[in-house]
Amino acid sequence: MLAKRIIPCLDIKDGQTVKGINFVGIKAVGDPVELGALYAQQGADELVFLDITATHEGRKTFVDLVGRIAHHINIPFTVGGGISELSDAEALLNAGADKISINSSAVRNPQLISDMARNFGSQFVVCAIDAREENNHWTVTVNGGRIPTEKELFSWAKEAESRGAGEILFTSMNHDGTKNGFANDALRKLSENLSIPVIASGGAGTMDHFVDTFTKGKADAGLAASIFHYKEIAIGDLKQYLHQKGIPVRI
């Protein structure tokens, strides 16, 4: 079995790392360059940078900030937010990103996934999906979870895979920031329906939540923000705990 990955996430707004609950009530929690370097030192497997208001505000991700973070880390680095064309992705790749995460732009223009996979390779393309569950139906949302679409989670994830996405980053809007655990039923269904890795996002609050998402949810990676930013759980401690539970991780 491949090692499960632990991925801290830097949600960026106005150049600062921020965190909210269900994507609202956002407040600053630290400098992204310092946090990125800290997480790399602590043993994070990857780092994700999401400019959470870039699409909503109609602007591009901070390329210079991406470059500064990349300079201070030695782990794979995924960047998303406001990426709507190949030139955006190329600029971020040149700045030090290892992967590009596309979300709203892919929903509006699915061909973008195909174009990016063809130009840069599937391993470079992460399709992020923010979805909200209501009456057992998962609706895909855009603009940081603000706008519901007609797309459904599982069919959209399958289309993204068929178009060449190398990973799916699924955030449950119902669980985001609540610290009540990941959406493991949906994650398990995604993992069983897809042949590409699935990253679990939204709801991490305890070490056992990671155990559950790797066993019950069959996720390939667990992403979290506030529990790491507020030092509620140290990445090294989490990996030791997972190892003790028999879950393969890189220590």
C-alpha atoms as a PDB file:
ATOM      1  CA  MET A   1       0.000   0.000   0.000  1.00  0.00           C
ATOM      2  CA  LEU A   2       1.279   3.475  -0.859  1.00  0.00           C
ATOM      3  CA  ALA A   3       2.067   5.772   2.044  1.00  0.00           C
ATOM      4  CA  LYS A   4      -0.779   8.069   3.032  1.00  0.00           C
ATOM      5  CA  ARG A   5       0.037  11.759   2.739  1.00  0.00           C
ATOM      6  CA  ILE A   6      -0.472  14.541   5.273  1.00  0.00           C
ATOM      7  CA  ILE A   7      -0.989  17.893   3.567  1.00  0.00           C
ATOM      8  CA  PRO A   8      -1.279  21.233   5.374  1.00  0.00           C
ATOM      9  CA  CYS A   9      -3.209  23.852   3.438  1.00  0.00           C
ATOM     10  CA  LEU A  10      -2.469  27.566   3.291  1.00  0.00           C
ATOM     11  CA  ASP A  11      -5.704  29.397   2.484  1.00  0.00           C
ATOM     12  CA  ILE A  12      -4.531  32.811   1.312  1.00  0.00           C
ATOM     13  CA  LYS A  13      -6.414  36.120   1.327  1.00  0.00           C
ATOM     14  CA  ASP A  14      -4.672  39.458   0.790  1.00  0.00           C
ATOM     15  CA  GLY A  15      -1.288  37.773   1.118  1.00  0.00           C
ATOM     16  CA  GLN A  16      -2.010  36.282   4.552  1.00  0.00           C
ATOM     17  CA  THR A  17      -2.890  32.757   5.657  1.00  0.00           C
ATOM     18  CA  VAL A  18      -6.518  32.746   6.827  1.00  0.00           C
ATOM     19  CA  LYS A  19      -9.100  30.264   8.098  1.00  0.00           C
ATOM     20  CA  GLY A  20     -12.862  30.252   8.453  1.00  0.00           C
ATOM     21  CA  ILE A  21     -15.726  27.850   9.040  1.00  0.00           C
ATOM     22  CA  ASN A  22     -17.722  26.625   6.028  1.00  0.00           C
ATOM     23  CA  PHE A  23     -15.643  29.129   4.001  1.00  0.00           C
ATOM     24  CA  VAL A  24     -16.919  32.181   5.957  1.00  0.00           C
ATOM     25  CA  GLY A  25     -15.922  34.037   9.143  1.00  0.00           C
ATOM     26  CA  ILE A  26     -12.396  34.286   7.797  1.00  0.00           C
ATOM     27  CA  LYS A  27      -9.534  35.580   9.967  1.00  0.00           C
ATOM     28  CA  ALA A  28      -5.768  35.797   9.571  1.00  0.00           C
ATOM     29  CA  VAL A  29      -3.645  33.076  11.196  1.00  0.00           C
ATOM     30  CA  GLY A  30      -0.086  33.723  10.030  1.00  0.00           C
ATOM     31  CA  ASP A  31       2.540  34.487   7.423  1.00  0.00           C
ATOM     32  CA  PRO A  32       2.359  31.923   4.581  1.00  0.00           C
ATOM     33  CA  VAL A  33       6.114  31.863   3.924  1.00  0.00           C
ATOM     34  CA  GLU A  34       6.893  31.128   7.572  1.00  0.00           C
ATOM     35  CA  LEU A  35       4.106  28.548   7.888  1.00  0.00           C
ATOM     36  CA  GLY A  36       5.117  26.765   4.697  1.00  0.00           C
ATOM     37  CA  ALA A  37       8.726  26.479   5.860  1.00  0.00           C
ATOM     38  CA  LEU A  38       7.590  25.260   9.286  1.00  0.00           C
ATOM     39  CA  TYR A  39       5.363  22.528   7.856  1.00  0.00           C
ATOM     40  CA  ALA A  40       8.116  21.321   5.523  1.00  0.00           C
ATOM     41  CA  GLN A  41      10.457  21.054   8.526  1.00  0.00           C
ATOM     42  CA  GLN A  42       7.806  19.178  10.529  1.00  0.00           C
ATOM     43  CA  GLY A  43       7.512  16.452   7.909  1.00  0.00           C
ATOM     44  CA  ALA A  44       4.531  17.442   5.790  1.00  0.00           C
ATOM     45  CA  ASP A  45       4.380  15.341   2.620  1.00  0.00           C
ATOM     46  CA  GLU A  46       3.110  18.198   0.482  1.00  0.00           C
ATOM     47  CA  LEU A  47       1.911  21.785   0.797  1.00  0.00           C
ATOM     48  CA  VAL A  48      -1.215  23.266  -0.777  1.00  0.00           C
ATOM     49  CA  PHE A  49      -1.650  27.004  -1.387  1.00  0.00           C
ATOM     50  CA  LEU A  50      -5.170  28.188  -2.256  1.00  0.00           C
ATOM     51  CA  ASP A  51      -5.865  31.836  -2.997  1.00  0.00           C
ATOM     52  CA  ILE A  52      -9.431  31.492  -1.771  1.00  0.00           C
ATOM     53  CA  THR A  53     -10.861  34.778  -3.058  1.00  0.00           C
ATOM     54  CA  ALA A  54      -8.982  35.080  -6.369  1.00  0.00           C
ATOM     55  CA  THR A  55     -11.823  33.671  -8.482  1.00  0.00           C
ATOM     56  CA  HIS A  56     -14.539  35.523  -6.569  1.00  0.00           C
ATOM     57  CA  GLU A  57     -12.618  38.809  -6.877  1.00  0.00           C
ATOM     58  CA  GLY A  58     -11.704  38.167 -10.509  1.00  0.00           C
ATOM     59  CA  ARG A  59      -7.933  38.347 -10.143  1.00  0.00           C
ATOM     60  CA  LYS A  60      -4.901  36.128 -10.458  1.00  0.00           C
ATOM     61  CA  THR A  61      -3.024  34.245  -7.748  1.00  0.00           C
ATOM     62  CA  PHE A  62      -0.019  36.008  -6.184  1.00  0.00           C
ATOM     63  CA  VAL A  63       2.830  34.661  -8.321  1.00  0.00           C
ATOM     64  CA  ASP A  64       5.505  36.459  -6.298  1.00  0.00           C
ATOM     65  CA  LEU A  65       4.199  35.004  -3.026  1.00  0.00           C
ATOM     66  CA  VAL A  66       4.191  31.520  -4.566  1.00  0.00           C
ATOM     67  CA  GLY A  67       7.826  32.036  -5.513  1.00  0.00           C
ATOM     68  CA  ARG A  68       8.788  33.081  -1.985  1.00  0.00           C
ATOM     69  CA  ILE A  69       7.067  30.074  -0.430  1.00  0.00           C
ATOM     70  CA  ALA A  70       8.616  27.679  -2.967  1.00  0.00           C
ATOM     71  CA  HIS A  71      12.072  29.049  -2.136  1.00  0.00           C
ATOM     72  CA  HIS A  72      11.666  27.994   1.510  1.00  0.00           C
ATOM     73  CA  ILE A  73      10.290  24.462   1.097  1.00  0.00           C
ATOM     74  CA  ASN A  74      11.583  21.162  -0.282  1.00  0.00           C
ATOM     75  CA  ILE A  75       8.308  19.245  -0.625  1.00  0.00           C
ATOM     76  CA  PRO A  76       5.776  19.081  -3.475  1.00  0.00           C
ATOM     77  CA  PHE A  77       3.824  22.326  -3.722  1.00  0.00           C
ATOM     78  CA  THR A  78       0.309  22.649  -5.166  1.00  0.00           C
ATOM     79  CA  VAL A  79      -1.107  26.083  -6.006  1.00  0.00           C
ATOM     80  CA  GLY A  80      -4.692  27.084  -6.826  1.00  0.00           C
ATOM     81  CA  GLY A  81      -6.884  30.138  -7.137  1.00  0.00           C
ATOM     82  CA  GLY A  82      -7.825  32.287 -10.120  1.00  0.00           C
ATOM     83  CA  ILE A  83      -6.209  29.951 -12.672  1.00  0.00           C
ATOM     84  CA  SER A  84      -8.257  30.147 -15.858  1.00  0.00           C
ATOM     85  CA  GLU A  85      -5.806  29.660 -18.729  1.00  0.00           C
ATOM     86  CA  LEU A  86      -2.588  27.854 -19.594  1.00  0.00           C
ATOM     87  CA  SER A  87      -0.468  30.999 -19.153  1.00  0.00           C
ATOM     88  CA  ASP A  88      -1.602  31.254 -15.509  1.00  0.00           C
ATOM     89  CA  ALA A  89      -0.442  27.706 -14.857  1.00  0.00           C
ATOM     90  CA  GLU A  90       2.843  28.263 -16.671  1.00  0.00           C
ATOM     91  CA  ALA A  91       3.608  31.368 -14.604  1.00  0.00           C
ATOM     92  CA  LEU A  92       3.029  29.461 -11.365  1.00  0.00           C
ATOM     93  CA  LEU A  93       5.075  26.500 -12.549  1.00  0.00           C
ATOM     94  CA  ASN A  94       7.938  28.873 -13.337  1.00  0.00           C
ATOM     95  CA  ALA A  95       7.529  30.425  -9.873  1.00  0.00           C
ATOM     96  CA  GLY A  96       8.079  27.046  -8.189  1.00  0.00           C
ATOM     97  CA  ALA A  97       4.725  25.258  -8.092  1.00  0.00           C
ATOM     98  CA  ASP A  98       4.860  21.489  -8.675  1.00  0.00           C
ATOM     99  CA  LYS A  99       1.127  21.067  -9.307  1.00  0.00           C
ATOM    100  CA  ILE A 100      -1.761  23.326 -10.255  1.00  0.00           C
ATOM    101  CA  SER A 101      -5.183  23.071  -8.618  1.00  0.00           C
ATOM    102  CA  ILE A 102      -8.136  24.216 -10.724  1.00  0.00           C
ATOM    103  CA  ASN A 103     -11.670  24.421  -9.404  1.00  0.00           C
ATOM    104  CA  SER A 104     -14.213  27.010 -10.569  1.00  0.00           C
ATOM    105  CA  SER A 105     -12.464  27.535 -13.900  1.00  0.00           C
ATOM    106  CA  ALA A 106     -12.596  23.799 -14.625  1.00  0.00           C
ATOM    107  CA  VAL A 107     -16.320  23.647 -13.860  1.00  0.00           C
ATOM    108  CA  ARG A 108     -16.966  26.540 -16.230  1.00  0.00           C
ATOM    109  CA  ASN A 109     -14.559  25.253 -18.886  1.00  0.00           C
ATOM    110  CA  PRO A 110     -13.879  21.502 -18.531  1.00  0.00           C
ATOM    111  CA  GLN A 111     -11.628  21.651 -21.592  1.00  0.00           C
ATOM    112  CA  LEU A 112      -9.100  23.450 -19.376  1.00  0.00           C
ATOM    113  CA  ILE A 113      -8.383  20.142 -17.595  1.00  0.00           C
ATOM    114  CA  SER A 114      -7.690  18.438 -20.913  1.00  0.00           C
ATOM    115  CA  ASP A 115      -5.499  21.297 -22.144  1.00  0.00           C
ATOM    116  CA  MET A 116      -3.446  21.428 -18.948  1.00  0.00           C
ATOM    117  CA  ALA A 117      -2.985  17.661 -18.836  1.00  0.00           C
ATOM    118  CA  ARG A 118      -1.870  17.624 -22.454  1.00  0.00           C
ATOM    119  CA  ASN A 119       0.536  20.553 -22.012  1.00  0.00           C
ATOM    120  CA  PHE A 120       1.998  19.790 -18.591  1.00  0.00           C
ATOM    121  CA  GLY A 121       1.115  16.161 -17.820  1.00  0.00           C
ATOM    122  CA  SER A 122      -1.645  14.674 -15.669  1.00  0.00           C
ATOM    123  CA  GLN A 123       0.622  14.559 -12.615  1.00  0.00           C
ATOM    124  CA  PHE A 124       0.639  18.371 -12.718  1.00  0.00           C
ATOM    125  CA  VAL A 125      -3.157  18.788 -12.670  1.00  0.00           C
ATOM    126  CA  VAL A 126      -5.243  18.610  -9.478  1.00  0.00           C
ATOM    127  CA  CYS A 127      -8.986  19.072  -9.896  1.00  0.00           C
ATOM    128  CA  ALA A 128     -10.330  20.594  -6.692  1.00  0.00           C
ATOM    129  CA  ILE A 129     -14.026  20.075  -6.053  1.00  0.00           C
ATOM    130  CA  ASP A 130     -16.003  21.953  -3.401  1.00  0.00           C
ATOM    131  CA  ALA A 131     -19.372  20.260  -2.904  1.00  0.00           C
ATOM    132  CA  ARG A 132     -22.294  20.553  -0.527  1.00  0.00           C
ATOM    133  CA  GLU A 133     -24.552  17.661   0.481  1.00  0.00           C
ATOM    134  CA  GLU A 134     -28.285  18.074   0.826  1.00  0.00           C
ATOM    135  CA  ASN A 135     -30.850  15.262   0.810  1.00  0.00           C
ATOM    136  CA  ASN A 136     -28.159  12.728  -0.152  1.00  0.00           C
ATOM    137  CA  HIS A 137     -27.178  14.743  -3.220  1.00  0.00           C
ATOM    138  CA  TRP A 138     -23.753  16.367  -3.537  1.00  0.00           C
ATOM    139  CA  THR A 139     -23.888  19.628  -5.503  1.00  0.00           C
ATOM    140  CA  VAL A 140     -20.639  21.034  -6.864  1.00  0.00           C
ATOM    141  CA  THR A 141     -20.102  24.711  -5.986  1.00  0.00           C
ATOM    142  CA  VAL A 142     -17.819  27.423  -7.373  1.00  0.00           C
ATOM    143  CA  ASN A 143     -16.324  30.761  -6.249  1.00  0.00           C
ATOM    144  CA  GLY A 144     -15.125  29.436  -2.905  1.00  0.00           C
ATOM    145  CA  GLY A 145     -18.335  27.551  -2.268  1.00  0.00           C
ATOM    146  CA  ARG A 146     -20.536  30.577  -2.839  1.00  0.00           C
ATOM    147  CA  ILE A 147     -22.383  29.504  -5.979  1.00  0.00           C
ATOM    148  CA  PRO A 148     -24.086  26.116  -6.538  1.00  0.00           C
ATOM    149  CA  THR A 149     -23.863  24.572 -10.007  1.00  0.00           C
ATOM    150  CA  GLU A 150     -25.761  21.889 -11.897  1.00  0.00           C
ATOM    151  CA  LYS A 151     -22.830  19.484 -11.595  1.00  0.00           C
ATOM    152  CA  GLU A 152     -22.938  16.505  -9.246  1.00  0.00           C
ATOM    153  CA  LEU A 153     -19.860  15.468  -7.272  1.00  0.00           C
ATOM    154  CA  PHE A 154     -19.285  11.900  -8.445  1.00  0.00           C
ATOM    155  CA  SER A 155     -20.035  12.394 -12.135  1.00  0.00           C
ATOM    156  CA  TRP A 156     -17.927  15.555 -12.235  1.00  0.00           C
ATOM    157  CA  ALA A 157     -14.990  13.812 -10.542  1.00  0.00           C
ATOM    158  CA  LYS A 158     -15.243  10.983 -13.090  1.00  0.00           C
ATOM    159  CA  GLU A 159     -15.267  13.488 -15.965  1.00  0.00           C
ATOM    160  CA  ALA A 160     -12.250  15.295 -14.507  1.00  0.00           C
ATOM    161  CA  GLU A 161     -10.375  11.990 -14.364  1.00  0.00           C
ATOM    162  CA  SER A 162     -11.318  11.139 -17.948  1.00  0.00           C
ATOM    163  CA  ARG A 163     -10.057  14.553 -19.063  1.00  0.00           C
ATOM    164  CA  GLY A 164      -6.649  13.908 -17.532  1.00  0.00           C
ATOM    165  CA  ALA A 165      -6.723  15.207 -13.954  1.00  0.00           C
ATOM    166  CA  GLY A 166      -4.068  13.437 -11.897  1.00  0.00           C
ATOM    167  CA  GLU A 167      -5.751  13.902  -8.506  1.00  0.00           C
ATOM    168  CA  ILE A 168      -9.057  14.974  -6.992  1.00  0.00           C
ATOM    169  CA  LEU A 169      -9.031  17.331  -4.005  1.00  0.00           C
ATOM    170  CA  PHE A 170     -12.514  17.019  -2.508  1.00  0.00           C
ATOM    171  CA  THR A 171     -13.667  19.533   0.092  1.00  0.00           C
ATOM    172  CA  SER A 172     -16.987  18.938   1.821  1.00  0.00           C
ATOM    173  CA  MET A 173     -18.588  22.338   2.382  1.00  0.00           C
ATOM    174  CA  ASN A 174     -20.726  20.743   5.098  1.00  0.00           C
ATOM    175  CA  HIS A 175     -17.630  19.699   7.035  1.00  0.00           C
ATOM    176  CA  ASP A 176     -15.155  22.524   6.322  1.00  0.00           C
ATOM    177  CA  GLY A 177     -13.795  24.069   9.502  1.00  0.00           C
ATOM    178  CA  THR A 178     -16.177  22.165  11.784  1.00  0.00           C
ATOM    179  CA  LYS A 179     -13.504  19.744  13.120  1.00  0.00           C
ATOM    180  CA  ASN A 180     -16.148  17.011  13.250  1.00  0.00           C
ATOM    181  CA  GLY A 181     -14.412  14.637  10.843  1.00  0.00           C
ATOM    182  CA  PHE A 182     -14.168  14.186   7.088  1.00  0.00           C
ATOM    183  CA  ALA A 183     -17.011  13.229   4.703  1.00  0.00           C
ATOM    184  CA  ASN A 184     -15.919   9.603   4.680  1.00  0.00           C
ATOM    185  CA  ASP A 185     -18.921   8.072   2.923  1.00  0.00           C
ATOM    186  CA  ALA A 186     -18.493  10.390  -0.053  1.00  0.00           C
ATOM    187  CA  LEU A 187     -14.721   9.924   0.011  1.00  0.00           C
ATOM    188  CA  ARG A 188     -15.056   6.146  -0.057  1.00  0.00           C
ATOM    189  CA  LYS A 189     -17.403   6.344  -3.030  1.00  0.00           C
ATOM    190  CA  LEU A 190     -14.996   8.667  -4.848  1.00  0.00           C
ATOM    191  CA  SER A 191     -12.045   6.404  -4.118  1.00  0.00           C
ATOM    192  CA  GLU A 192     -13.927   3.336  -5.320  1.00  0.00           C
ATOM    193  CA  ASN A 193     -15.149   5.059  -8.496  1.00  0.00           C
ATOM    194  CA  LEU A 194     -11.810   6.591  -9.517  1.00  0.00           C
ATOM    195  CA  SER A 195      -8.369   5.241 -10.323  1.00  0.00           C
ATOM    196  CA  ILE A 196      -6.556   8.480  -9.407  1.00  0.00           C
ATOM    197  CA  PRO A 197      -5.688   9.609  -5.852  1.00  0.00           C
ATOM    198  CA  VAL A 198      -8.320  11.371  -3.758  1.00  0.00           C
ATOM    199  CA  ILE A 199      -7.352  14.016  -1.209  1.00  0.00           C
ATOM    200  CA  ALA A 200      -9.749  14.459   1.723  1.00  0.00           C
ATOM    201  CA  SER A 201     -10.421  18.032   2.827  1.00  0.00           C
ATOM    202  CA  GLY A 202     -12.858  19.582   5.274  1.00  0.00           C
ATOM    203  CA  GLY A 203     -13.513  18.548   8.859  1.00  0.00           C
ATOM    204  CA  ALA A 204     -10.202  17.460  10.408  1.00  0.00           C
ATOM    205  CA  GLY A 205     -10.244  17.950  14.164  1.00  0.00           C
ATOM    206  CA  THR A 206      -8.502  14.973  15.760  1.00  0.00           C
ATOM    207  CA  MET A 207      -5.890  12.383  14.884  1.00  0.00           C
ATOM    208  CA  ASP A 208      -8.611   9.748  14.761  1.00  0.00           C
ATOM    209  CA  HIS A 209     -10.337  11.719  12.013  1.00  0.00           C
ATOM    210  CA  PHE A 210      -7.288  11.001   9.844  1.00  0.00           C
ATOM    211  CA  VAL A 211      -7.388   7.328  10.829  1.00  0.00           C
ATOM    212  CA  ASP A 212     -11.042   7.224   9.787  1.00  0.00           C
ATOM    213  CA  THR A 213     -10.547   8.955   6.437  1.00  0.00           C
ATOM    214  CA  PHE A 214      -7.685   6.617   5.513  1.00  0.00           C
ATOM    215  CA  THR A 215      -9.589   3.482   6.551  1.00  0.00           C
ATOM    216  CA  LYS A 216     -13.322   4.178   6.220  1.00  0.00           C
ATOM    217  CA  GLY A 217     -12.966   6.886   3.568  1.00  0.00           C
ATOM    218  CA  LYS A 218     -10.149   5.168   1.649  1.00  0.00           C
ATOM    219  CA  ALA A 219      -8.581   8.580   0.998  1.00  0.00           C
ATOM    220  CA  ASP A 220      -5.030   8.728  -0.336  1.00  0.00           C
ATOM    221  CA  ALA A 221      -4.195  11.949   1.509  1.00  0.00           C
ATOM    222  CA  GLY A 222      -5.607  14.062   4.308  1.00  0.00           C
ATOM    223  CA  LEU A 223      -5.555  17.840   4.033  1.00  0.00           C
ATOM    224  CA  ALA A 224      -6.109  20.196   6.948  1.00  0.00           C
ATOM    225  CA  ALA A 225      -5.530  23.803   7.889  1.00  0.00           C
ATOM    226  CA  SER A 226      -6.660  25.154  11.251  1.00  0.00           C
ATOM    227  CA  ILE A 227      -5.518  22.205  13.398  1.00  0.00           C
ATOM    228  CA  PHE A 228      -1.991  22.777  12.093  1.00  0.00           C
ATOM    229  CA  HIS A 229      -2.114  26.589  12.055  1.00  0.00           C
ATOM    230  CA  TYR A 230      -3.304  26.734  15.681  1.00  0.00           C
ATOM    231  CA  LYS A 231      -0.820  24.017  16.734  1.00  0.00           C
ATOM    232  CA  GLU A 232      -3.594  21.743  17.946  1.00  0.00           C
ATOM    233  CA  ILE A 233      -1.910  18.784  16.243  1.00  0.00           C
ATOM    234  CA  ALA A 234       1.747  18.569  15.243  1.00  0.00           C
ATOM    235  CA  ILE A 235       2.428  16.852  11.926  1.00  0.00           C
ATOM    236  CA  GLY A 236       5.157  14.664  13.427  1.00  0.00           C
ATOM    237  CA  ASP A 237       2.886  13.518  16.256  1.00  0.00           C
ATOM    238  CA  LEU A 238       0.085  12.788  13.794  1.00  0.00           C
ATOM    239  CA  LYS A 239       2.348  10.633  11.637  1.00  0.00           C
ATOM    240  CA  GLN A 240       3.585   8.672  14.654  1.00  0.00           C
ATOM    241  CA  TYR A 241      -0.022   8.076  15.727  1.00  0.00           C
ATOM    242  CA  LEU A 242      -1.009   6.885  12.260  1.00  0.00           C
ATOM    243  CA  HIS A 243       2.018   4.597  12.162  1.00  0.00           C
ATOM    244  CA  GLN A 244       1.002   3.093  15.506  1.00  0.00           C
ATOM    245  CA  LYS A 245      -2.473   2.461  14.045  1.00  0.00           C
ATOM    246  CA  GLY A 246      -0.937   0.508  11.184  1.00  0.00           C
ATOM    247  CA  ILE A 247      -1.460   3.169   8.529  1.00  0.00           C
ATOM    248  CA  PRO A 248       1.543   3.548   6.183  1.00  0.00           C
ATOM    249  CA  VAL A 249       3.060   7.038   6.367  1.00  0.00           C
ATOM    250  CA  ARG A 250       6.488   8.525   5.658  1.00  0.00           C
ATOM    251  CA  ILE A 251       8.229   9.261   8.967  1.00  0.00           C
END
